[in-house]
Amino acid sequence: MSAMTMPKENRTARLTLLIDPEKKAAFEKLCKAEDVTPSQKVRQFIREYVEQRLGEDWRERRTDKPE
């Protein structure tokens, strides 16, 4: 993984997407060069996007927290 290790997240939801096979192959090659899995990289992209849009404390501010 990278020099900065993120805390492990609850990974119980699945996201399925369609992508161009050539782009998928390029993405997998880039991930391999960074020594991360494609899933790790997608989770990183999503985490950064959510934090950029909602702030790093988005979990604490949620109103729909599970009990």
PDB file of N, CA and C in Angstrom:
ATOM      1  N   MET A   1       0.839  -1.175   0.000  1.00  0.00           N
ATOM      2  CA  MET A   1       0.000   0.000   0.000  1.00  0.00           C
ATOM      3  C   MET A   1       0.885   1.240   0.000  1.00  0.00           C
ATOM      4  N   SER A   2       0.329   2.417   0.159  1.00  0.00           N
ATOM      5  CA  SER A   2       1.105   3.640   0.146  1.00  0.00           C
ATOM      6  C   SER A   2       1.749   3.878   1.503  1.00  0.00           C
ATOM      7  N   ALA A   3       2.557   4.933   1.565  1.00  0.00           N
ATOM      8  CA  ALA A   3       3.236   5.275   2.809  1.00  0.00           C
ATOM      9  C   ALA A   3       2.236   5.643   3.899  1.00  0.00           C
ATOM     10  N   MET A   4       1.105   6.232   3.490  1.00  0.00           N
ATOM     11  CA  MET A   4       0.072   6.601   4.457  1.00  0.00           C
ATOM     12  C   MET A   4      -1.005   5.528   4.454  1.00  0.00           C
ATOM     13  N   THR A   5      -1.077   4.733   5.497  1.00  0.00           N
ATOM     14  CA  THR A   5      -2.046   3.654   5.578  1.00  0.00           C
ATOM     15  C   THR A   5      -3.347   4.194   6.158  1.00  0.00           C
ATOM     16  N   MET A   6      -4.442   3.936   5.454  1.00  0.00           N
ATOM     17  CA  MET A   6      -5.756   4.379   5.905  1.00  0.00           C
ATOM     18  C   MET A   6      -6.346   3.308   6.805  1.00  0.00           C
ATOM     19  N   PRO A   7      -7.187   3.728   7.776  1.00  0.00           N
ATOM     20  CA  PRO A   7      -7.843   2.735   8.619  1.00  0.00           C
ATOM     21  C   PRO A   7      -8.747   1.853   7.766  1.00  0.00           C
ATOM     22  N   LYS A   8      -8.878   0.603   8.157  1.00  0.00           N
ATOM     23  CA  LYS A   8      -9.710  -0.335   7.413  1.00  0.00           C
ATOM     24  C   LYS A   8     -11.177   0.076   7.514  1.00  0.00           C
ATOM     25  N   GLU A   9     -11.851   0.048   6.392  1.00  0.00           N
ATOM     26  CA  GLU A   9     -13.243   0.456   6.341  1.00  0.00           C
ATOM     27  C   GLU A   9     -14.152  -0.764   6.321  1.00  0.00           C
ATOM     28  N   ASN A  10     -15.396  -0.563   6.713  1.00  0.00           N
ATOM     29  CA  ASN A  10     -16.398  -1.611   6.616  1.00  0.00           C
ATOM     30  C   ASN A  10     -16.697  -1.826   5.136  1.00  0.00           C
ATOM     31  N   ARG A  11     -16.424  -3.013   4.626  1.00  0.00           N
ATOM     32  CA  ARG A  11     -16.560  -3.272   3.194  1.00  0.00           C
ATOM     33  C   ARG A  11     -17.652  -4.299   2.939  1.00  0.00           C
ATOM     34  N   THR A  12     -18.883  -3.881   3.132  1.00  0.00           N
ATOM     35  CA  THR A  12     -19.986  -4.825   2.954  1.00  0.00           C
ATOM     36  C   THR A  12     -20.870  -4.492   1.757  1.00  0.00           C
ATOM     37  N   ALA A  13     -20.652  -3.378   1.099  1.00  0.00           N
ATOM     38  CA  ALA A  13     -21.466  -3.001  -0.060  1.00  0.00           C
ATOM     39  C   ALA A  13     -20.661  -3.235  -1.330  1.00  0.00           C
ATOM     40  N   ARG A  14     -21.352  -3.692  -2.363  1.00  0.00           N
ATOM     41  CA  ARG A  14     -20.697  -3.967  -3.638  1.00  0.00           C
ATOM     42  C   ARG A  14     -21.126  -2.919  -4.653  1.00  0.00           C
ATOM     43  N   LEU A  15     -20.185  -2.469  -5.463  1.00  0.00           N
ATOM     44  CA  LEU A  15     -20.436  -1.514  -6.534  1.00  0.00           C
ATOM     45  C   LEU A  15     -20.004  -2.169  -7.836  1.00  0.00           C
ATOM     46  N   THR A  16     -20.923  -2.305  -8.763  1.00  0.00           N
ATOM     47  CA  THR A  16     -20.618  -2.913 -10.059  1.00  0.00           C
ATOM     48  C   THR A  16     -20.664  -1.826 -11.112  1.00  0.00           C
ATOM     49  N   LEU A  17     -19.666  -1.795 -11.974  1.00  0.00           N
ATOM     50  CA  LEU A  17     -19.667  -0.799 -13.035  1.00  0.00           C
ATOM     51  C   LEU A  17     -19.158  -1.405 -14.334  1.00  0.00           C
ATOM     52  N   LEU A  18     -19.560  -0.793 -15.423  1.00  0.00           N
ATOM     53  CA  LEU A  18     -19.095  -1.216 -16.738  1.00  0.00           C
ATOM     54  C   LEU A  18     -18.021  -0.242 -17.197  1.00  0.00           C
ATOM     55  N   ILE A  19     -16.953  -0.787 -17.766  1.00  0.00           N
ATOM     56  CA  ILE A  19     -15.837   0.039 -18.206  1.00  0.00           C
ATOM     57  C   ILE A  19     -15.271  -0.557 -19.487  1.00  0.00           C
ATOM     58  N   ASP A  20     -14.742   0.281 -20.323  1.00  0.00           N
ATOM     59  CA  ASP A  20     -14.100  -0.137 -21.555  1.00  0.00           C
ATOM     60  C   ASP A  20     -12.960  -1.108 -21.232  1.00  0.00           C
ATOM     61  N   PRO A  21     -12.886  -2.258 -21.884  1.00  0.00           N
ATOM     62  CA  PRO A  21     -11.853  -3.254 -21.580  1.00  0.00           C
ATOM     63  C   PRO A  21     -10.412  -2.716 -21.698  1.00  0.00           C
ATOM     64  N   GLU A  22     -10.179  -1.850 -22.658  1.00  0.00           N
ATOM     65  CA  GLU A  22      -8.839  -1.281 -22.817  1.00  0.00           C
ATOM     66  C   GLU A  22      -8.479  -0.377 -21.632  1.00  0.00           C
ATOM     67  N   LYS A  23      -9.461   0.407 -21.204  1.00  0.00           N
ATOM     68  CA  LYS A  23      -9.250   1.292 -20.052  1.00  0.00           C
ATOM     69  C   LYS A  23      -9.050   0.469 -18.785  1.00  0.00           C
ATOM     70  N   LYS A  24      -9.808  -0.621 -18.650  1.00  0.00           N
ATOM     71  CA  LYS A  24      -9.665  -1.505 -17.487  1.00  0.00           C
ATOM     72  C   LYS A  24      -8.260  -2.089 -17.432  1.00  0.00           C
ATOM     73  N   ALA A  25      -7.754  -2.555 -18.566  1.00  0.00           N
ATOM     74  CA  ALA A  25      -6.417  -3.133 -18.613  1.00  0.00           C
ATOM     75  C   ALA A  25      -5.359  -2.092 -18.238  1.00  0.00           C
ATOM     76  N   ALA A  26      -5.510  -0.868 -18.742  1.00  0.00           N
ATOM     77  CA  ALA A  26      -4.564   0.205 -18.412  1.00  0.00           C
ATOM     78  C   ALA A  26      -4.622   0.529 -16.919  1.00  0.00           C
ATOM     79  N   PHE A  27      -5.835   0.589 -16.363  1.00  0.00           N
ATOM     80  CA  PHE A  27      -6.023   0.871 -14.939  1.00  0.00           C
ATOM     81  C   PHE A  27      -5.364  -0.209 -14.088  1.00  0.00           C
ATOM     82  N   GLU A  28      -5.583  -1.481 -14.444  1.00  0.00           N
ATOM     83  CA  GLU A  28      -4.980  -2.586 -13.698  1.00  0.00           C
ATOM     84  C   GLU A  28      -3.456  -2.525 -13.754  1.00  0.00           C
ATOM     85  N   LYS A  29      -2.907  -2.165 -14.910  1.00  0.00           N
ATOM     86  CA  LYS A  29      -1.452  -2.055 -15.051  1.00  0.00           C
ATOM     87  C   LYS A  29      -0.905  -0.926 -14.172  1.00  0.00           C
ATOM     88  N   LEU A  30      -1.601   0.198 -14.156  1.00  0.00           N
ATOM     89  CA  LEU A  30      -1.177   1.320 -13.313  1.00  0.00           C
ATOM     90  C   LEU A  30      -1.264   0.961 -11.829  1.00  0.00           C
ATOM     91  N   CYS A  31      -2.318   0.271 -11.440  1.00  0.00           N
ATOM     92  CA  CYS A  31      -2.466  -0.161 -10.045  1.00  0.00           C
ATOM     93  C   CYS A  31      -1.331  -1.094  -9.653  1.00  0.00           C
ATOM     94  N   LYS A  32      -1.022  -2.037 -10.538  1.00  0.00           N
ATOM     95  CA  LYS A  32       0.059  -2.977 -10.261  1.00  0.00           C
ATOM     96  C   LYS A  32       1.377  -2.240 -10.061  1.00  0.00           C
ATOM     97  N   ALA A  33       1.624  -1.213 -10.862  1.00  0.00           N
ATOM     98  CA  ALA A  33       2.856  -0.418 -10.736  1.00  0.00           C
ATOM     99  C   ALA A  33       2.926   0.300  -9.390  1.00  0.00           C
ATOM    100  N   GLU A  34       1.758   0.625  -8.815  1.00  0.00           N
ATOM    101  CA  GLU A  34       1.695   1.279  -7.504  1.00  0.00           C
ATOM    102  C   GLU A  34       1.579   0.273  -6.361  1.00  0.00           C
ATOM    103  N   ASP A  35       1.536  -1.010  -6.700  1.00  0.00           N
ATOM    104  CA  ASP A  35       1.405  -2.088  -5.720  1.00  0.00           C
ATOM    105  C   ASP A  35       0.121  -1.963  -4.895  1.00  0.00           C
ATOM    106  N   VAL A  36      -0.965  -1.629  -5.586  1.00  0.00           N
ATOM    107  CA  VAL A  36      -2.289  -1.599  -4.968  1.00  0.00           C
ATOM    108  C   VAL A  36      -3.246  -2.374  -5.869  1.00  0.00           C
ATOM    109  N   THR A  37      -4.317  -2.863  -5.297  1.00  0.00           N
ATOM    110  CA  THR A  37      -5.317  -3.547  -6.109  1.00  0.00           C
ATOM    111  C   THR A  37      -6.243  -2.497  -6.730  1.00  0.00           C
ATOM    112  N   PRO A  38      -6.896  -2.842  -7.832  1.00  0.00           N
ATOM    113  CA  PRO A  38      -7.878  -1.915  -8.390  1.00  0.00           C
ATOM    114  C   PRO A  38      -8.968  -1.540  -7.368  1.00  0.00           C
ATOM    115  N   SER A  39      -9.389  -2.491  -6.559  1.00  0.00           N
ATOM    116  CA  SER A  39     -10.402  -2.191  -5.533  1.00  0.00           C
ATOM    117  C   SER A  39      -9.898  -1.160  -4.532  1.00  0.00           C
ATOM    118  N   GLN A  40      -8.645  -1.294  -4.112  1.00  0.00           N
ATOM    119  CA  GLN A  40      -8.075  -0.319  -3.179  1.00  0.00           C
ATOM    120  C   GLN A  40      -8.069   1.075  -3.803  1.00  0.00           C
ATOM    121  N   LYS A  41      -7.703   1.147  -5.066  1.00  0.00           N
ATOM    122  CA  LYS A  41      -7.613   2.438  -5.743  1.00  0.00           C
ATOM    123  C   LYS A  41      -8.993   3.057  -5.911  1.00  0.00           C
ATOM    124  N   VAL A  42      -9.999   2.251  -6.278  1.00  0.00           N
ATOM    125  CA  VAL A  42     -11.356   2.773  -6.430  1.00  0.00           C
ATOM    126  C   VAL A  42     -11.874   3.262  -5.079  1.00  0.00           C
ATOM    127  N   ARG A  43     -11.634   2.501  -4.002  1.00  0.00           N
ATOM    128  CA  ARG A  43     -12.050   2.952  -2.668  1.00  0.00           C
ATOM    129  C   ARG A  43     -11.378   4.272  -2.315  1.00  0.00           C
ATOM    130  N   GLN A  44     -10.092   4.410  -2.668  1.00  0.00           N
ATOM    131  CA  GLN A  44      -9.375   5.660  -2.417  1.00  0.00           C
ATOM    132  C   GLN A  44     -10.021   6.811  -3.182  1.00  0.00           C
ATOM    133  N   PHE A  45     -10.319   6.596  -4.470  1.00  0.00           N
ATOM    134  CA  PHE A  45     -10.970   7.633  -5.273  1.00  0.00           C
ATOM    135  C   PHE A  45     -12.292   8.055  -4.653  1.00  0.00           C
ATOM    136  N   ILE A  46     -13.097   7.088  -4.243  1.00  0.00           N
ATOM    137  CA  ILE A  46     -14.407   7.386  -3.666  1.00  0.00           C
ATOM    138  C   ILE A  46     -14.246   8.118  -2.340  1.00  0.00           C
ATOM    139  N   ARG A  47     -13.339   7.634  -1.487  1.00  0.00           N
ATOM    140  CA  ARG A  47     -13.103   8.273  -0.186  1.00  0.00           C
ATOM    141  C   ARG A  47     -12.691   9.735  -0.378  1.00  0.00           C
ATOM    142  N   GLU A  48     -11.745   9.975  -1.291  1.00  0.00           N
ATOM    143  CA  GLU A  48     -11.271  11.342  -1.528  1.00  0.00           C
ATOM    144  C   GLU A  48     -12.383  12.231  -2.081  1.00  0.00           C
ATOM    145  N   TYR A  49     -13.204  11.698  -2.970  1.00  0.00           N
ATOM    146  CA  TYR A  49     -14.303  12.461  -3.542  1.00  0.00           C
ATOM    147  C   TYR A  49     -15.327  12.836  -2.469  1.00  0.00           C
ATOM    148  N   VAL A  50     -15.723  11.863  -1.659  1.00  0.00           N
ATOM    149  CA  VAL A  50     -16.699  12.122  -0.598  1.00  0.00           C
ATOM    150  C   VAL A  50     -16.143  13.149   0.385  1.00  0.00           C
ATOM    151  N   GLU A  51     -14.887  12.987   0.794  1.00  0.00           N
ATOM    152  CA  GLU A  51     -14.296  13.923   1.749  1.00  0.00           C
ATOM    153  C   GLU A  51     -14.135  15.313   1.140  1.00  0.00           C
ATOM    154  N   GLN A  52     -13.844  15.385  -0.148  1.00  0.00           N
ATOM    155  CA  GLN A  52     -13.724  16.673  -0.825  1.00  0.00           C
ATOM    156  C   GLN A  52     -15.076  17.386  -0.862  1.00  0.00           C
ATOM    157  N   ARG A  53     -16.125  16.636  -1.123  1.00  0.00           N
ATOM    158  CA  ARG A  53     -17.453  17.226  -1.262  1.00  0.00           C
ATOM    159  C   ARG A  53     -18.138  17.474   0.082  1.00  0.00           C
ATOM    160  N   LEU A  54     -17.936  16.559   1.050  1.00  0.00           N
ATOM    161  CA  LEU A  54     -18.673  16.645   2.313  1.00  0.00           C
ATOM    162  C   LEU A  54     -17.804  16.978   3.516  1.00  0.00           C
ATOM    163  N   GLY A  55     -16.489  16.962   3.344  1.00  0.00           N
ATOM    164  CA  GLY A  55     -15.578  17.218   4.456  1.00  0.00           C
ATOM    165  C   GLY A  55     -15.110  15.919   5.089  1.00  0.00           C
ATOM    166  N   GLU A  56     -13.940  15.956   5.703  1.00  0.00           N
ATOM    167  CA  GLU A  56     -13.359  14.751   6.295  1.00  0.00           C
ATOM    168  C   GLU A  56     -14.186  14.198   7.444  1.00  0.00           C
ATOM    169  N   ASP A  57     -15.003  15.047   8.062  1.00  0.00           N
ATOM    170  CA  ASP A  57     -15.808  14.602   9.206  1.00  0.00           C
ATOM    171  C   ASP A  57     -17.225  14.198   8.782  1.00  0.00           C
ATOM    172  N   TRP A  58     -17.405  13.813   7.523  1.00  0.00           N
ATOM    173  CA  TRP A  58     -18.741  13.497   7.005  1.00  0.00           C
ATOM    174  C   TRP A  58     -19.433  12.401   7.795  1.00  0.00           C
ATOM    175  N   ARG A  59     -18.681  11.445   8.337  1.00  0.00           N
ATOM    176  CA  ARG A  59     -19.309  10.362   9.113  1.00  0.00           C
ATOM    177  C   ARG A  59     -19.927  10.886  10.405  1.00  0.00           C
ATOM    178  N   GLU A  60     -19.240  11.802  11.070  1.00  0.00           N
ATOM    179  CA  GLU A  60     -19.739  12.336  12.340  1.00  0.00           C
ATOM    180  C   GLU A  60     -20.986  13.183  12.135  1.00  0.00           C
ATOM    181  N   ARG A  61     -21.127  13.787  10.961  1.00  0.00           N
ATOM    182  CA  ARG A  61     -22.248  14.677  10.700  1.00  0.00           C
ATOM    183  C   ARG A  61     -23.448  13.965  10.079  1.00  0.00           C
ATOM    184  N   ARG A  62     -23.333  12.659   9.811  1.00  0.00           N
ATOM    185  CA  ARG A  62     -24.445  11.925   9.219  1.00  0.00           C
ATOM    186  C   ARG A  62     -25.641  11.901  10.142  1.00  0.00           C
ATOM    187  N   THR A  63     -26.816  12.002   9.565  1.00  0.00           N
ATOM    188  CA  THR A  63     -28.042  11.929  10.371  1.00  0.00           C
ATOM    189  C   THR A  63     -28.669  10.550  10.305  1.00  0.00           C
ATOM    190  N   ASP A  64     -28.190   9.721   9.370  1.00  0.00           N
ATOM    191  CA  ASP A  64     -28.780   8.386   9.187  1.00  0.00           C
ATOM    192  C   ASP A  64     -27.852   7.283   9.711  1.00  0.00           C
ATOM    193  N   LYS A  65     -27.161   7.565  10.816  1.00  0.00           N
ATOM    194  CA  LYS A  65     -26.232   6.566  11.381  1.00  0.00           C
ATOM    195  C   LYS A  65     -26.987   5.335  11.837  1.00  0.00           C
ATOM    196  N   PRO A  66     -26.417   4.152  11.571  1.00  0.00           N
ATOM    197  CA  PRO A  66     -27.045   2.931  12.089  1.00  0.00           C
ATOM    198  C   PRO A  66     -26.955   2.880  13.607  1.00  0.00           C
ATOM    199  N   GLU A  67     -27.926   2.311  14.224  1.00  0.00           N
ATOM    200  CA  GLU A  67     -27.949   2.246  15.692  1.00  0.00           C
ATOM    201  C   GLU A  67     -27.133   1.112  16.220  1.00  0.00           C
TER     202      GLU A  67
END
